Amino acid sequence: MSEHYHDAADLRLLKEMGKLAPTEFTAWLNLDKITAREDGAIPRKYRELIALAVACTTQCPYCIEVHTKNAKKAGASRQEVTESALIAAALRAGGAATHGAMALKFFGED
């Protein structure tokens, strides 16, 4: 396997990152905990489905795995997980289309 592929064993390096940049690492961990809140206005299941959709657009395989499993634990169905991924795909496609419009603007008139 190439060293450029995602490998779950790479996650062990997070501990080293925490030692090398403890303030930043702790800030990131605390930010990441927002998804797991139980007392927010958005219920946990929907927090996880939102996180999953974002993970699909950022293409982080670790986040996709974690938030899919957490969404399932929070009561999300297979259909909800699928719809979340496809909603993310629609928005990503929309972003590409609007950036295409920007490209035309930068191109200017013929």
N, C-alpha and C. Protein backbone atom coordinates (compact mmCIF):
# COMPACT_ATOMS: atom_id res chain seq x y z
N MET A 1 0.85 -1.18 0.00
CA MET A 1 0.00 0.00 0.00
C MET A 1 0.89 1.24 0.00
N SER A 2 0.56 2.19 -0.82
CA SER A 2 1.33 3.42 -0.91
C SER A 2 1.19 4.23 0.38
N GLU A 3 2.21 4.97 0.70
CA GLU A 3 2.17 5.80 1.90
C GLU A 3 1.21 6.97 1.77
N HIS A 4 0.67 7.18 0.57
CA HIS A 4 -0.25 8.30 0.34
C HIS A 4 -1.70 7.94 0.60
N TYR A 5 -1.98 6.67 0.80
CA TYR A 5 -3.34 6.24 1.08
C TYR A 5 -3.66 6.42 2.55
N HIS A 6 -4.94 6.54 2.84
CA HIS A 6 -5.37 6.65 4.23
C HIS A 6 -5.19 5.31 4.90
N ASP A 7 -4.66 5.35 6.08
CA ASP A 7 -4.42 4.15 6.86
C ASP A 7 -4.83 4.47 8.29
N ALA A 8 -5.76 3.71 8.83
CA ALA A 8 -6.26 3.97 10.19
C ALA A 8 -5.12 4.01 11.21
N ALA A 9 -4.04 3.32 10.92
CA ALA A 9 -2.89 3.32 11.84
C ALA A 9 -2.26 4.71 11.95
N ASP A 10 -2.50 5.56 10.95
CA ASP A 10 -1.96 6.92 11.00
C ASP A 10 -2.52 7.72 12.17
N LEU A 11 -3.70 7.33 12.63
CA LEU A 11 -4.33 8.06 13.74
C LEU A 11 -3.49 8.02 15.00
N ARG A 12 -2.59 7.05 15.11
CA ARG A 12 -1.71 6.99 16.28
C ARG A 12 -0.83 8.23 16.35
N LEU A 13 -0.63 8.89 15.23
CA LEU A 13 0.20 10.09 15.19
C LEU A 13 -0.50 11.30 15.81
N LEU A 14 -1.79 11.19 16.05
CA LEU A 14 -2.49 12.29 16.72
C LEU A 14 -1.90 12.55 18.10
N LYS A 15 -1.50 11.51 18.78
CA LYS A 15 -0.90 11.66 20.11
C LYS A 15 0.38 12.50 20.02
N GLU A 16 1.18 12.22 19.01
CA GLU A 16 2.40 13.00 18.80
C GLU A 16 2.07 14.45 18.46
N MET A 17 1.04 14.66 17.65
CA MET A 17 0.64 16.02 17.32
C MET A 17 0.25 16.78 18.58
N GLY A 18 -0.43 16.08 19.49
CA GLY A 18 -0.82 16.70 20.75
C GLY A 18 0.37 17.13 21.59
N LYS A 19 1.44 16.37 21.52
CA LYS A 19 2.67 16.72 22.25
C LYS A 19 3.42 17.87 21.56
N LEU A 20 3.40 17.88 20.24
CA LEU A 20 4.14 18.89 19.49
C LEU A 20 3.46 20.26 19.49
N ALA A 21 2.15 20.26 19.55
CA ALA A 21 1.39 21.53 19.53
C ALA A 21 0.21 21.40 20.49
N PRO A 22 0.49 21.34 21.81
CA PRO A 22 -0.57 21.04 22.78
C PRO A 22 -1.71 22.05 22.82
N THR A 23 -1.43 23.33 22.72
CA THR A 23 -2.49 24.33 22.78
C THR A 23 -3.43 24.20 21.58
N GLU A 24 -2.85 24.12 20.40
CA GLU A 24 -3.64 24.00 19.19
C GLU A 24 -4.40 22.69 19.15
N PHE A 25 -3.75 21.62 19.59
CA PHE A 25 -4.38 20.31 19.57
C PHE A 25 -5.58 20.28 20.52
N THR A 26 -5.43 20.85 21.70
CA THR A 26 -6.53 20.90 22.66
C THR A 26 -7.68 21.74 22.13
N ALA A 27 -7.36 22.84 21.47
CA ALA A 27 -8.40 23.68 20.88
C ALA A 27 -9.16 22.90 19.81
N TRP A 28 -8.44 22.15 18.99
CA TRP A 28 -9.09 21.34 17.97
C TRP A 28 -9.97 20.26 18.60
N LEU A 29 -9.46 19.59 19.63
CA LEU A 29 -10.26 18.57 20.30
C LEU A 29 -11.55 19.15 20.87
N ASN A 30 -11.43 20.31 21.50
CA ASN A 30 -12.62 20.94 22.07
C ASN A 30 -13.61 21.35 20.99
N LEU A 31 -13.12 21.83 19.85
CA LEU A 31 -13.99 22.19 18.74
C LEU A 31 -14.69 20.95 18.21
N ASP A 32 -13.95 19.86 18.11
CA ASP A 32 -14.50 18.61 17.59
C ASP A 32 -15.62 18.07 18.50
N LYS A 33 -15.57 18.40 19.78
CA LYS A 33 -16.58 17.90 20.73
C LYS A 33 -17.94 18.56 20.55
N ILE A 34 -18.01 19.62 19.77
CA ILE A 34 -19.28 20.30 19.54
C ILE A 34 -20.31 19.34 18.96
N THR A 35 -19.88 18.46 18.09
CA THR A 35 -20.79 17.52 17.45
C THR A 35 -21.46 16.61 18.47
N ALA A 36 -20.73 16.24 19.51
CA ALA A 36 -21.23 15.27 20.48
C ALA A 36 -22.13 15.88 21.56
N ARG A 37 -22.36 17.16 21.52
CA ARG A 37 -23.20 17.79 22.55
C ARG A 37 -24.58 17.18 22.58
N GLU A 38 -25.07 16.96 23.74
CA GLU A 38 -26.43 16.43 23.92
C GLU A 38 -27.42 17.53 24.30
N ASP A 39 -26.90 18.69 24.71
CA ASP A 39 -27.77 19.74 25.24
C ASP A 39 -27.98 20.91 24.28
N GLY A 40 -27.58 20.77 23.04
CA GLY A 40 -27.76 21.86 22.09
C GLY A 40 -29.17 21.89 21.53
N ALA A 41 -29.49 22.95 20.81
CA ALA A 41 -30.81 23.08 20.20
C ALA A 41 -31.01 22.05 19.08
N ILE A 42 -29.92 21.65 18.45
CA ILE A 42 -29.98 20.63 17.39
C ILE A 42 -29.73 19.27 18.05
N PRO A 43 -30.66 18.34 17.91
CA PRO A 43 -30.49 17.02 18.52
C PRO A 43 -29.25 16.29 17.98
N ARG A 44 -28.71 15.42 18.80
CA ARG A 44 -27.46 14.70 18.48
C ARG A 44 -27.52 14.00 17.12
N LYS A 45 -28.61 13.34 16.81
CA LYS A 45 -28.72 12.64 15.54
C LYS A 45 -28.48 13.59 14.38
N TYR A 46 -29.09 14.76 14.43
CA TYR A 46 -28.95 15.72 13.34
C TYR A 46 -27.56 16.35 13.33
N ARG A 47 -26.97 16.52 14.50
CA ARG A 47 -25.59 17.01 14.56
C ARG A 47 -24.66 16.04 13.83
N GLU A 48 -24.87 14.75 14.06
CA GLU A 48 -24.03 13.74 13.43
C GLU A 48 -24.28 13.67 11.92
N LEU A 49 -25.53 13.81 11.50
CA LEU A 49 -25.83 13.79 10.07
C LEU A 49 -25.24 15.02 9.37
N ILE A 50 -25.27 16.16 10.03
CA ILE A 50 -24.63 17.36 9.48
C ILE A 50 -23.12 17.13 9.38
N ALA A 51 -22.54 16.60 10.46
CA ALA A 51 -21.10 16.33 10.46
C ALA A 51 -20.74 15.34 9.36
N LEU A 52 -21.58 14.34 9.16
CA LEU A 52 -21.33 13.37 8.10
C LEU A 52 -21.36 14.05 6.73
N ALA A 53 -22.34 14.90 6.50
CA ALA A 53 -22.44 15.59 5.21
C ALA A 53 -21.19 16.45 4.98
N VAL A 54 -20.76 17.14 6.01
CA VAL A 54 -19.55 17.96 5.87
C VAL A 54 -18.34 17.07 5.61
N ALA A 55 -18.26 15.95 6.31
CA ALA A 55 -17.15 15.02 6.10
C ALA A 55 -17.14 14.49 4.67
N CYS A 56 -18.31 14.32 4.10
CA CYS A 56 -18.36 13.88 2.70
C CYS A 56 -17.80 14.95 1.77
N THR A 57 -18.05 16.22 2.09
CA THR A 57 -17.52 17.28 1.23
C THR A 57 -16.04 17.52 1.47
N THR A 58 -15.57 17.34 2.70
CA THR A 58 -14.13 17.51 2.97
C THR A 58 -13.37 16.24 2.64
N GLN A 59 -14.09 15.15 2.43
CA GLN A 59 -13.54 13.87 2.01
C GLN A 59 -12.55 13.28 3.02
N CYS A 60 -12.89 13.42 4.29
CA CYS A 60 -12.07 12.83 5.35
C CYS A 60 -12.63 11.44 5.68
N PRO A 61 -11.92 10.38 5.32
CA PRO A 61 -12.45 9.04 5.57
C PRO A 61 -12.62 8.72 7.05
N TYR A 62 -11.77 9.27 7.89
CA TYR A 62 -11.89 9.03 9.33
C TYR A 62 -13.15 9.68 9.87
N CYS A 63 -13.41 10.91 9.46
CA CYS A 63 -14.61 11.63 9.90
C CYS A 63 -15.87 10.95 9.38
N ILE A 64 -15.81 10.48 8.13
CA ILE A 64 -16.97 9.77 7.56
C ILE A 64 -17.28 8.55 8.41
N GLU A 65 -16.27 7.79 8.77
CA GLU A 65 -16.49 6.59 9.58
C GLU A 65 -17.04 6.94 10.96
N VAL A 66 -16.41 7.87 11.63
CA VAL A 66 -16.82 8.23 12.99
C VAL A 66 -18.25 8.78 13.01
N HIS A 67 -18.55 9.70 12.10
CA HIS A 67 -19.87 10.35 12.15
C HIS A 67 -20.98 9.44 11.63
N THR A 68 -20.65 8.52 10.74
CA THR A 68 -21.64 7.52 10.32
C THR A 68 -22.00 6.62 11.49
N LYS A 69 -20.99 6.13 12.19
CA LYS A 69 -21.23 5.25 13.33
C LYS A 69 -21.95 5.99 14.45
N ASN A 70 -21.57 7.26 14.68
CA ASN A 70 -22.23 8.04 15.73
C ASN A 70 -23.67 8.36 15.35
N ALA A 71 -23.91 8.63 14.07
CA ALA A 71 -25.28 8.90 13.62
C ALA A 71 -26.15 7.66 13.83
N LYS A 72 -25.61 6.51 13.51
CA LYS A 72 -26.35 5.26 13.72
C LYS A 72 -26.67 5.06 15.20
N LYS A 73 -25.69 5.29 16.07
CA LYS A 73 -25.91 5.17 17.53
C LYS A 73 -26.97 6.15 18.01
N ALA A 74 -27.02 7.33 17.35
CA ALA A 74 -27.98 8.37 17.75
C ALA A 74 -29.35 8.14 17.15
N GLY A 75 -29.52 7.04 16.40
CA GLY A 75 -30.84 6.71 15.88
C GLY A 75 -31.07 7.00 14.41
N ALA A 76 -30.03 7.42 13.70
CA ALA A 76 -30.20 7.70 12.26
C ALA A 76 -30.37 6.38 11.51
N SER A 77 -31.16 6.46 10.47
CA SER A 77 -31.39 5.29 9.63
C SER A 77 -30.38 5.25 8.48
N ARG A 78 -30.32 4.13 7.82
CA ARG A 78 -29.48 3.96 6.63
C ARG A 78 -29.90 4.97 5.56
N GLN A 79 -31.20 5.17 5.44
CA GLN A 79 -31.72 6.14 4.47
C GLN A 79 -31.27 7.56 4.81
N GLU A 80 -31.31 7.94 6.09
CA GLU A 80 -30.89 9.28 6.49
C GLU A 80 -29.40 9.50 6.21
N VAL A 81 -28.60 8.48 6.45
CA VAL A 81 -27.17 8.58 6.16
C VAL A 81 -26.96 8.78 4.66
N THR A 82 -27.68 8.02 3.86
CA THR A 82 -27.57 8.14 2.40
C THR A 82 -28.01 9.51 1.93
N GLU A 83 -29.14 9.98 2.43
CA GLU A 83 -29.63 11.30 2.03
C GLU A 83 -28.65 12.39 2.43
N SER A 84 -28.03 12.27 3.61
CA SER A 84 -27.04 13.26 4.05
C SER A 84 -25.88 13.34 3.07
N ALA A 85 -25.41 12.18 2.63
CA ALA A 85 -24.30 12.16 1.67
C ALA A 85 -24.70 12.79 0.34
N LEU A 86 -25.92 12.51 -0.10
CA LEU A 86 -26.36 13.04 -1.39
C LEU A 86 -26.69 14.53 -1.32
N ILE A 87 -27.16 15.00 -0.17
CA ILE A 87 -27.36 16.44 0.01
C ILE A 87 -26.01 17.14 -0.07
N ALA A 88 -25.00 16.55 0.58
CA ALA A 88 -23.64 17.11 0.52
C ALA A 88 -23.15 17.14 -0.92
N ALA A 89 -23.41 16.07 -1.66
CA ALA A 89 -22.98 16.01 -3.07
C ALA A 89 -23.66 17.10 -3.89
N ALA A 90 -24.94 17.33 -3.63
CA ALA A 90 -25.67 18.37 -4.36
C ALA A 90 -25.08 19.74 -4.08
N LEU A 91 -24.75 20.01 -2.83
CA LEU A 91 -24.19 21.31 -2.48
C LEU A 91 -22.79 21.47 -3.05
N ARG A 92 -22.03 20.39 -3.03
CA ARG A 92 -20.68 20.46 -3.61
C ARG A 92 -20.77 20.72 -5.11
N ALA A 93 -21.72 20.09 -5.77
CA ALA A 93 -21.92 20.33 -7.20
C ALA A 93 -22.36 21.76 -7.45
N GLY A 94 -23.22 22.26 -6.57
CA GLY A 94 -23.67 23.65 -6.69
C GLY A 94 -22.51 24.61 -6.55
N GLY A 95 -21.60 24.31 -5.63
CA GLY A 95 -20.42 25.14 -5.46
C GLY A 95 -19.55 25.14 -6.71
N ALA A 96 -19.42 23.98 -7.33
CA ALA A 96 -18.63 23.90 -8.56
C ALA A 96 -19.28 24.72 -9.67
N ALA A 97 -20.61 24.67 -9.77
CA ALA A 97 -21.31 25.43 -10.80
C ALA A 97 -21.15 26.93 -10.58
N THR A 98 -21.29 27.39 -9.35
CA THR A 98 -21.16 28.82 -9.10
C THR A 98 -19.72 29.29 -9.28
N HIS A 99 -18.76 28.43 -8.97
CA HIS A 99 -17.37 28.78 -9.25
C HIS A 99 -17.11 28.82 -10.75
N GLY A 100 -17.85 27.99 -11.50
CA GLY A 100 -17.78 28.06 -12.95
C GLY A 100 -18.27 29.41 -13.46
N ALA A 101 -19.32 29.92 -12.83
CA ALA A 101 -19.82 31.24 -13.20
C ALA A 101 -18.76 32.31 -12.91
N MET A 102 -18.05 32.15 -11.78
CA MET A 102 -16.95 33.08 -11.47
C MET A 102 -15.86 33.00 -12.53
N ALA A 103 -15.58 31.78 -13.00
CA ALA A 103 -14.56 31.61 -14.04
C ALA A 103 -14.95 32.39 -15.29
N LEU A 104 -16.24 32.34 -15.64
CA LEU A 104 -16.70 33.11 -16.80
C LEU A 104 -16.53 34.60 -16.57
N LYS A 105 -16.80 35.05 -15.35
CA LYS A 105 -16.61 36.47 -15.01
C LYS A 105 -15.14 36.85 -15.20
N PHE A 106 -14.23 36.01 -14.71
CA PHE A 106 -12.80 36.31 -14.82
C PHE A 106 -12.31 36.22 -16.27
N PHE A 107 -12.96 35.36 -17.05
CA PHE A 107 -12.60 35.22 -18.46
C PHE A 107 -12.93 36.49 -19.22
N GLY A 108 -14.05 37.10 -18.84
CA GLY A 108 -14.47 38.32 -19.50
C GLY A 108 -15.24 38.05 -20.79
N GLU A 109 -15.45 39.08 -21.56
CA GLU A 109 -16.20 38.99 -22.81
C GLU A 109 -15.32 38.44 -23.91
N ASP A 110 -15.96 37.80 -24.89
CA ASP A 110 -15.22 37.32 -26.08
C ASP A 110 -14.74 38.46 -26.93
